[in-house]
Amino acid sequence: MHTHAFEHRGYEIVVQPEQNAYGAWQARVSVRRADSTVAEFRPDTVQPEWLAQEEAVRDGIEWGTRFVDDKVEASHRPM
């Protein structure tokens, strides 16, 4: 199982596909600012189960990009 890393809007999204005891695939996702080794956050989420490893990776990437987009948008909203 390979780790997949992508950069999106200054954040690094890392997706690690894992197969559970029932043979289904899930993606473990971590997100951190690409320019920082200190400020790291790991979103806790319930990931859906997939029949193929590629589906889990795709879902993890999509989830990570949505998470970043929501975080970036929230930081630009006026208070």
N, C-alpha and C. Protein backbone atom coordinates (compact mmCIF):
# COMPACT_ATOMS: atom_id res chain seq x y z
N MET A 1 0.84 -1.18 0.00
CA MET A 1 0.00 0.00 0.00
C MET A 1 0.89 1.25 0.00
N HIS A 2 0.66 2.08 -0.97
CA HIS A 2 1.46 3.28 -1.11
C HIS A 2 0.77 4.47 -0.49
N THR A 3 1.58 5.39 0.04
CA THR A 3 1.07 6.65 0.52
C THR A 3 1.04 7.61 -0.65
N HIS A 4 -0.04 8.36 -0.77
CA HIS A 4 -0.21 9.32 -1.86
C HIS A 4 -0.22 10.71 -1.25
N ALA A 5 0.66 11.60 -1.74
CA ALA A 5 0.75 12.97 -1.22
C ALA A 5 0.46 13.95 -2.34
N PHE A 6 -0.33 14.96 -2.02
CA PHE A 6 -0.71 15.99 -2.99
C PHE A 6 -0.67 17.34 -2.31
N GLU A 7 -0.39 18.38 -3.09
CA GLU A 7 -0.43 19.73 -2.57
C GLU A 7 -1.66 20.43 -3.15
N HIS A 8 -2.37 21.15 -2.28
CA HIS A 8 -3.56 21.87 -2.71
C HIS A 8 -3.66 23.15 -1.89
N ARG A 9 -3.54 24.30 -2.57
CA ARG A 9 -3.69 25.62 -1.94
C ARG A 9 -2.75 25.81 -0.75
N GLY A 10 -1.53 25.33 -0.88
CA GLY A 10 -0.55 25.51 0.19
C GLY A 10 -0.62 24.48 1.30
N TYR A 11 -1.43 23.47 1.13
CA TYR A 11 -1.55 22.39 2.11
C TYR A 11 -1.13 21.07 1.48
N GLU A 12 -0.54 20.22 2.28
CA GLU A 12 -0.18 18.88 1.82
C GLU A 12 -1.25 17.90 2.32
N ILE A 13 -1.80 17.16 1.40
CA ILE A 13 -2.81 16.14 1.71
C ILE A 13 -2.14 14.79 1.52
N VAL A 14 -2.14 13.98 2.56
CA VAL A 14 -1.53 12.66 2.48
C VAL A 14 -2.63 11.62 2.68
N VAL A 15 -2.72 10.70 1.74
CA VAL A 15 -3.74 9.65 1.78
C VAL A 15 -3.05 8.30 1.88
N GLN A 16 -3.43 7.53 2.89
CA GLN A 16 -2.89 6.19 3.09
C GLN A 16 -4.06 5.20 3.00
N PRO A 17 -4.15 4.44 1.92
CA PRO A 17 -5.23 3.45 1.83
C PRO A 17 -4.94 2.26 2.75
N GLU A 18 -5.99 1.79 3.41
CA GLU A 18 -5.85 0.64 4.31
C GLU A 18 -7.02 -0.31 4.08
N GLN A 19 -6.72 -1.58 4.16
CA GLN A 19 -7.77 -2.59 4.01
C GLN A 19 -8.18 -3.06 5.39
N ASN A 20 -9.50 -3.07 5.64
CA ASN A 20 -9.97 -3.48 6.97
C ASN A 20 -10.12 -5.00 7.04
N ALA A 21 -10.57 -5.49 8.18
CA ALA A 21 -10.68 -6.93 8.41
C ALA A 21 -11.67 -7.62 7.47
N TYR A 22 -12.57 -6.84 6.88
CA TYR A 22 -13.58 -7.41 5.98
C TYR A 22 -13.17 -7.31 4.52
N GLY A 23 -11.98 -6.79 4.25
CA GLY A 23 -11.49 -6.69 2.88
C GLY A 23 -11.84 -5.40 2.17
N ALA A 24 -12.57 -4.52 2.84
CA ALA A 24 -12.93 -3.23 2.23
C ALA A 24 -11.79 -2.24 2.43
N TRP A 25 -11.70 -1.27 1.53
CA TRP A 25 -10.65 -0.26 1.57
C TRP A 25 -11.19 1.03 2.18
N GLN A 26 -10.34 1.66 2.99
CA GLN A 26 -10.64 2.96 3.57
C GLN A 26 -9.40 3.83 3.42
N ALA A 27 -9.59 5.14 3.46
CA ALA A 27 -8.47 6.06 3.32
C ALA A 27 -8.24 6.79 4.64
N ARG A 28 -7.01 6.74 5.11
CA ARG A 28 -6.61 7.56 6.26
C ARG A 28 -6.04 8.84 5.67
N VAL A 29 -6.59 9.98 6.07
CA VAL A 29 -6.21 11.26 5.48
C VAL A 29 -5.59 12.15 6.54
N SER A 30 -4.47 12.78 6.20
CA SER A 30 -3.90 13.82 7.07
C SER A 30 -3.64 15.05 6.21
N VAL A 31 -3.78 16.20 6.83
CA VAL A 31 -3.63 17.47 6.13
C VAL A 31 -2.74 18.37 6.98
N ARG A 32 -1.79 19.03 6.33
CA ARG A 32 -0.95 20.00 7.05
C ARG A 32 -0.53 21.09 6.08
N ARG A 33 -0.15 22.22 6.62
CA ARG A 33 0.35 23.29 5.77
C ARG A 33 1.65 22.82 5.14
N ALA A 34 1.79 23.00 3.85
CA ALA A 34 2.95 22.50 3.13
C ALA A 34 4.24 23.21 3.54
N ASP A 35 4.17 24.45 4.02
CA ASP A 35 5.37 25.20 4.39
C ASP A 35 5.71 25.11 5.87
N SER A 36 5.05 24.22 6.61
CA SER A 36 5.27 24.15 8.04
C SER A 36 5.35 22.70 8.50
N THR A 37 6.28 22.43 9.38
CA THR A 37 6.36 21.09 9.97
C THR A 37 5.73 21.09 11.36
N VAL A 38 5.39 22.26 11.87
CA VAL A 38 4.85 22.36 13.21
C VAL A 38 3.33 22.34 13.21
N ALA A 39 2.72 23.18 12.40
CA ALA A 39 1.25 23.30 12.40
C ALA A 39 0.64 22.17 11.59
N GLU A 40 0.35 21.09 12.24
CA GLU A 40 -0.25 19.94 11.57
C GLU A 40 -1.55 19.58 12.25
N PHE A 41 -2.54 19.28 11.47
CA PHE A 41 -3.80 18.82 12.05
C PHE A 41 -4.24 17.59 11.29
N ARG A 42 -4.80 16.67 11.98
CA ARG A 42 -5.27 15.43 11.38
C ARG A 42 -6.76 15.35 11.59
N PRO A 43 -7.51 15.62 10.55
CA PRO A 43 -8.97 15.58 10.71
C PRO A 43 -9.45 14.17 11.02
N ASP A 44 -10.26 14.05 12.04
CA ASP A 44 -10.88 12.76 12.36
C ASP A 44 -12.19 12.68 11.60
N THR A 45 -12.34 11.62 10.86
CA THR A 45 -13.55 11.45 10.08
C THR A 45 -13.84 9.97 9.92
N VAL A 46 -15.05 9.66 9.70
CA VAL A 46 -15.43 8.29 9.38
C VAL A 46 -15.39 8.16 7.87
N GLN A 47 -14.50 7.34 7.40
CA GLN A 47 -14.35 7.16 5.96
C GLN A 47 -15.26 6.05 5.48
N PRO A 48 -15.85 6.22 4.32
CA PRO A 48 -16.65 5.13 3.75
C PRO A 48 -15.75 3.97 3.33
N GLU A 49 -16.34 2.83 3.12
CA GLU A 49 -15.60 1.64 2.68
C GLU A 49 -15.75 1.51 1.17
N TRP A 50 -14.67 1.09 0.52
CA TRP A 50 -14.64 0.96 -0.94
C TRP A 50 -14.19 -0.44 -1.32
N LEU A 51 -14.60 -0.88 -2.50
CA LEU A 51 -14.22 -2.21 -2.99
C LEU A 51 -12.80 -2.23 -3.53
N ALA A 52 -12.32 -1.09 -4.02
CA ALA A 52 -10.98 -1.03 -4.62
C ALA A 52 -10.12 0.02 -3.92
N GLN A 53 -8.84 -0.25 -3.86
CA GLN A 53 -7.89 0.67 -3.25
C GLN A 53 -7.92 2.03 -3.95
N GLU A 54 -8.01 2.04 -5.26
CA GLU A 54 -8.02 3.29 -6.03
C GLU A 54 -9.21 4.16 -5.66
N GLU A 55 -10.35 3.54 -5.37
CA GLU A 55 -11.53 4.29 -4.96
C GLU A 55 -11.31 4.97 -3.61
N ALA A 56 -10.66 4.27 -2.70
CA ALA A 56 -10.38 4.84 -1.39
C ALA A 56 -9.42 6.02 -1.52
N VAL A 57 -8.41 5.88 -2.37
CA VAL A 57 -7.46 6.98 -2.57
C VAL A 57 -8.17 8.19 -3.17
N ARG A 58 -8.98 7.96 -4.19
CA ARG A 58 -9.73 9.06 -4.83
C ARG A 58 -10.61 9.77 -3.81
N ASP A 59 -11.31 8.99 -2.98
CA ASP A 59 -12.18 9.58 -1.97
C ASP A 59 -11.37 10.38 -0.96
N GLY A 60 -10.24 9.86 -0.55
CA GLY A 60 -9.38 10.57 0.41
C GLY A 60 -8.89 11.89 -0.15
N ILE A 61 -8.51 11.90 -1.42
CA ILE A 61 -8.05 13.14 -2.06
C ILE A 61 -9.20 14.14 -2.13
N GLU A 62 -10.37 13.68 -2.55
CA GLU A 62 -11.52 14.57 -2.63
C GLU A 62 -11.88 15.13 -1.26
N TRP A 63 -11.87 14.28 -0.23
CA TRP A 63 -12.19 14.74 1.11
C TRP A 63 -11.17 15.77 1.57
N GLY A 64 -9.88 15.48 1.34
CA GLY A 64 -8.82 16.40 1.76
C GLY A 64 -8.92 17.75 1.08
N THR A 65 -9.20 17.77 -0.23
CA THR A 65 -9.31 19.05 -0.93
C THR A 65 -10.53 19.84 -0.44
N ARG A 66 -11.64 19.16 -0.19
CA ARG A 66 -12.81 19.86 0.36
C ARG A 66 -12.51 20.43 1.74
N PHE A 67 -11.80 19.66 2.57
CA PHE A 67 -11.42 20.11 3.90
C PHE A 67 -10.56 21.37 3.81
N VAL A 68 -9.56 21.36 2.92
CA VAL A 68 -8.69 22.53 2.74
C VAL A 68 -9.50 23.71 2.22
N ASP A 69 -10.32 23.49 1.21
CA ASP A 69 -11.12 24.58 0.65
C ASP A 69 -12.01 25.21 1.72
N ASP A 70 -12.63 24.39 2.56
CA ASP A 70 -13.48 24.91 3.64
C ASP A 70 -12.64 25.70 4.65
N LYS A 71 -11.45 25.20 4.98
CA LYS A 71 -10.59 25.88 5.94
C LYS A 71 -10.10 27.20 5.38
N VAL A 72 -9.68 27.21 4.13
CA VAL A 72 -9.19 28.44 3.50
C VAL A 72 -10.32 29.46 3.38
N GLU A 73 -11.49 29.00 2.97
CA GLU A 73 -12.64 29.90 2.86
C GLU A 73 -12.99 30.48 4.21
N ALA A 74 -12.97 29.66 5.25
CA ALA A 74 -13.31 30.13 6.60
C ALA A 74 -12.32 31.19 7.08
N SER A 75 -11.06 31.06 6.70
CA SER A 75 -10.05 32.03 7.15
C SER A 75 -10.18 33.36 6.42
N HIS A 76 -10.89 33.40 5.30
CA HIS A 76 -11.07 34.63 4.54
C HIS A 76 -12.42 35.29 4.77
N ARG A 77 -13.26 34.71 5.60
CA ARG A 77 -14.58 35.29 5.87
C ARG A 77 -14.44 36.44 6.87
N PRO A 78 -15.16 37.51 6.63
CA PRO A 78 -15.13 38.61 7.61
C PRO A 78 -15.87 38.20 8.88
N MET A 79 -15.39 38.71 9.99
CA MET A 79 -16.02 38.39 11.28
C MET A 79 -17.06 39.39 11.64
